[in-house]
Amino acid sequence: MSADKRMNAAEIAAETGMCKWTILDWAKAGKIPCVRISPRTIRFDKSKVLKALGLEDEVVVSN
């Protein structure tokens, strides 16, 4: 894991401006990387998700 902490779907959604449910659907489909902690808990590495989405070079602004 990189220096970024593991984040939940709501935190990733806030960082990217996407819906939490889209993040979860894309993780389930394998479109973005995730770490499954338990059958109902998954976490995301922010830098890996941003890279998968092609946003690693952009500044993402959340409100």
N, C-alpha and C. Protein backbone atom coordinates (compact mmCIF):
# COMPACT_ATOMS: atom_id res chain seq x y z
N MET A 1 0.84 -1.18 0.00
CA MET A 1 0.00 0.00 0.00
C MET A 1 0.88 1.23 0.00
N SER A 2 0.42 2.26 -0.65
CA SER A 2 1.19 3.50 -0.69
C SER A 2 1.04 4.25 0.63
N ALA A 3 1.55 5.47 0.67
CA ALA A 3 1.48 6.28 1.88
C ALA A 3 0.06 6.71 2.21
N ASP A 4 -0.85 6.65 1.22
CA ASP A 4 -2.25 7.02 1.47
C ASP A 4 -2.91 5.99 2.37
N LYS A 5 -3.80 6.47 3.23
CA LYS A 5 -4.54 5.54 4.06
C LYS A 5 -5.65 4.89 3.22
N ARG A 6 -6.13 3.80 3.68
CA ARG A 6 -7.24 3.15 2.99
C ARG A 6 -8.51 3.92 3.29
N MET A 7 -9.30 4.13 2.25
CA MET A 7 -10.51 4.94 2.36
C MET A 7 -11.73 4.09 2.04
N ASN A 8 -12.89 4.50 2.56
CA ASN A 8 -14.12 3.79 2.22
C ASN A 8 -14.73 4.40 0.96
N ALA A 9 -15.81 3.80 0.48
CA ALA A 9 -16.42 4.24 -0.77
C ALA A 9 -16.93 5.68 -0.69
N ALA A 10 -17.48 6.08 0.43
CA ALA A 10 -17.99 7.45 0.58
C ALA A 10 -16.85 8.46 0.50
N GLU A 11 -15.72 8.14 1.09
CA GLU A 11 -14.57 9.05 1.05
C GLU A 11 -14.01 9.16 -0.38
N ILE A 12 -13.92 8.04 -1.08
CA ILE A 12 -13.46 8.06 -2.47
C ILE A 12 -14.45 8.84 -3.33
N ALA A 13 -15.74 8.64 -3.10
CA ALA A 13 -16.76 9.36 -3.86
C ALA A 13 -16.62 10.86 -3.65
N ALA A 14 -16.38 11.28 -2.42
CA ALA A 14 -16.21 12.71 -2.13
C ALA A 14 -14.97 13.26 -2.82
N GLU A 15 -13.91 12.50 -2.87
CA GLU A 15 -12.67 12.94 -3.51
C GLU A 15 -12.81 13.07 -5.02
N THR A 16 -13.61 12.20 -5.63
CA THR A 16 -13.72 12.17 -7.09
C THR A 16 -14.95 12.88 -7.62
N GLY A 17 -15.90 13.19 -6.75
CA GLY A 17 -17.14 13.81 -7.20
C GLY A 17 -18.11 12.80 -7.79
N MET A 18 -17.87 11.54 -7.52
CA MET A 18 -18.74 10.47 -8.03
C MET A 18 -19.69 10.01 -6.94
N CYS A 19 -20.67 9.22 -7.33
CA CYS A 19 -21.62 8.65 -6.38
C CYS A 19 -20.98 7.45 -5.67
N LYS A 20 -21.27 7.32 -4.39
CA LYS A 20 -20.75 6.19 -3.60
C LYS A 20 -21.13 4.85 -4.23
N TRP A 21 -22.34 4.76 -4.75
CA TRP A 21 -22.82 3.50 -5.34
C TRP A 21 -22.08 3.18 -6.64
N THR A 22 -21.68 4.19 -7.38
CA THR A 22 -20.88 3.96 -8.59
C THR A 22 -19.52 3.40 -8.20
N ILE A 23 -18.92 3.96 -7.17
CA ILE A 23 -17.63 3.45 -6.68
C ILE A 23 -17.75 1.98 -6.29
N LEU A 24 -18.80 1.64 -5.56
CA LEU A 24 -18.99 0.25 -5.14
C LEU A 24 -19.26 -0.67 -6.32
N ASP A 25 -20.08 -0.21 -7.27
CA ASP A 25 -20.36 -1.02 -8.46
C ASP A 25 -19.11 -1.26 -9.28
N TRP A 26 -18.29 -0.20 -9.46
CA TRP A 26 -17.07 -0.34 -10.24
C TRP A 26 -16.05 -1.23 -9.55
N ALA A 27 -16.01 -1.18 -8.22
CA ALA A 27 -15.11 -2.08 -7.48
C ALA A 27 -15.55 -3.53 -7.67
N LYS A 28 -16.85 -3.76 -7.58
CA LYS A 28 -17.37 -5.12 -7.76
C LYS A 28 -17.07 -5.64 -9.17
N ALA A 29 -17.14 -4.74 -10.17
CA ALA A 29 -16.89 -5.13 -11.56
C ALA A 29 -15.40 -5.21 -11.89
N GLY A 30 -14.54 -4.78 -10.95
CA GLY A 30 -13.10 -4.83 -11.18
C GLY A 30 -12.55 -3.64 -11.95
N LYS A 31 -13.34 -2.58 -12.11
CA LYS A 31 -12.89 -1.40 -12.84
C LYS A 31 -11.94 -0.54 -12.02
N ILE A 32 -12.06 -0.60 -10.70
CA ILE A 32 -11.14 0.12 -9.82
C ILE A 32 -10.64 -0.85 -8.75
N PRO A 33 -9.39 -0.69 -8.32
CA PRO A 33 -8.82 -1.61 -7.33
C PRO A 33 -9.38 -1.37 -5.93
N CYS A 34 -9.54 -2.46 -5.20
CA CYS A 34 -10.01 -2.36 -3.82
C CYS A 34 -9.42 -3.50 -3.00
N VAL A 35 -9.53 -3.37 -1.69
CA VAL A 35 -9.09 -4.40 -0.76
C VAL A 35 -10.32 -4.83 0.02
N ARG A 36 -10.65 -6.11 -0.07
CA ARG A 36 -11.81 -6.63 0.65
C ARG A 36 -11.35 -7.03 2.04
N ILE A 37 -11.87 -6.32 3.05
CA ILE A 37 -11.51 -6.57 4.45
C ILE A 37 -12.35 -7.72 5.01
N SER A 38 -13.61 -7.75 4.65
CA SER A 38 -14.54 -8.81 5.04
C SER A 38 -15.58 -8.91 3.93
N PRO A 39 -16.51 -9.85 4.01
CA PRO A 39 -17.51 -9.96 2.94
C PRO A 39 -18.32 -8.67 2.70
N ARG A 40 -18.45 -7.84 3.72
CA ARG A 40 -19.24 -6.62 3.58
C ARG A 40 -18.43 -5.33 3.66
N THR A 41 -17.12 -5.45 3.80
CA THR A 41 -16.27 -4.26 3.97
C THR A 41 -15.16 -4.23 2.94
N ILE A 42 -15.11 -3.15 2.17
CA ILE A 42 -14.00 -2.97 1.24
C ILE A 42 -13.40 -1.59 1.46
N ARG A 43 -12.12 -1.47 1.17
CA ARG A 43 -11.41 -0.22 1.30
C ARG A 43 -10.64 0.03 0.01
N PHE A 44 -10.29 1.28 -0.19
CA PHE A 44 -9.64 1.71 -1.41
C PHE A 44 -8.37 2.48 -1.08
N ASP A 45 -7.35 2.30 -1.92
CA ASP A 45 -6.13 3.09 -1.84
C ASP A 45 -6.35 4.26 -2.80
N LYS A 46 -6.40 5.47 -2.26
CA LYS A 46 -6.74 6.66 -3.03
C LYS A 46 -5.89 6.79 -4.29
N SER A 47 -4.59 6.66 -4.17
CA SER A 47 -3.71 6.86 -5.33
C SER A 47 -3.97 5.82 -6.41
N LYS A 48 -4.23 4.58 -6.03
CA LYS A 48 -4.50 3.53 -7.02
C LYS A 48 -5.84 3.76 -7.72
N VAL A 49 -6.84 4.21 -6.98
CA VAL A 49 -8.15 4.49 -7.59
C VAL A 49 -8.04 5.66 -8.55
N LEU A 50 -7.37 6.73 -8.13
CA LEU A 50 -7.22 7.89 -9.01
C LEU A 50 -6.45 7.52 -10.28
N LYS A 51 -5.45 6.67 -10.14
CA LYS A 51 -4.70 6.22 -11.31
C LYS A 51 -5.59 5.40 -12.24
N ALA A 52 -6.40 4.51 -11.68
CA ALA A 52 -7.29 3.68 -12.49
C ALA A 52 -8.33 4.52 -13.22
N LEU A 53 -8.74 5.62 -12.61
CA LEU A 53 -9.72 6.52 -13.21
C LEU A 53 -9.08 7.54 -14.14
N GLY A 54 -7.76 7.55 -14.19
CA GLY A 54 -7.05 8.51 -15.04
C GLY A 54 -7.02 9.91 -14.45
N LEU A 55 -7.15 10.01 -13.13
CA LEU A 55 -7.20 11.30 -12.46
C LEU A 55 -5.94 11.59 -11.65
N GLU A 56 -4.89 10.78 -11.77
CA GLU A 56 -3.73 10.92 -10.92
C GLU A 56 -2.98 12.23 -11.13
N ASP A 57 -3.10 12.82 -12.31
CA ASP A 57 -2.38 14.06 -12.58
C ASP A 57 -3.24 15.29 -12.35
N GLU A 58 -4.52 15.10 -12.12
CA GLU A 58 -5.43 16.23 -11.92
C GLU A 58 -5.58 16.54 -10.45
N VAL A 59 -5.92 17.76 -10.16
CA VAL A 59 -6.22 18.15 -8.79
C VAL A 59 -7.72 17.95 -8.61
N VAL A 60 -8.08 17.09 -7.68
CA VAL A 60 -9.49 16.81 -7.42
C VAL A 60 -9.92 17.67 -6.26
N VAL A 61 -10.97 18.46 -6.47
CA VAL A 61 -11.47 19.36 -5.44
C VAL A 61 -12.79 18.84 -4.93
N SER A 62 -12.89 18.69 -3.63
CA SER A 62 -14.16 18.28 -3.05
C SER A 62 -14.73 19.43 -2.25
N ASN A 63 -16.06 19.48 -2.18
CA ASN A 63 -16.75 20.56 -1.44
C ASN A 63 -16.99 20.17 -0.02
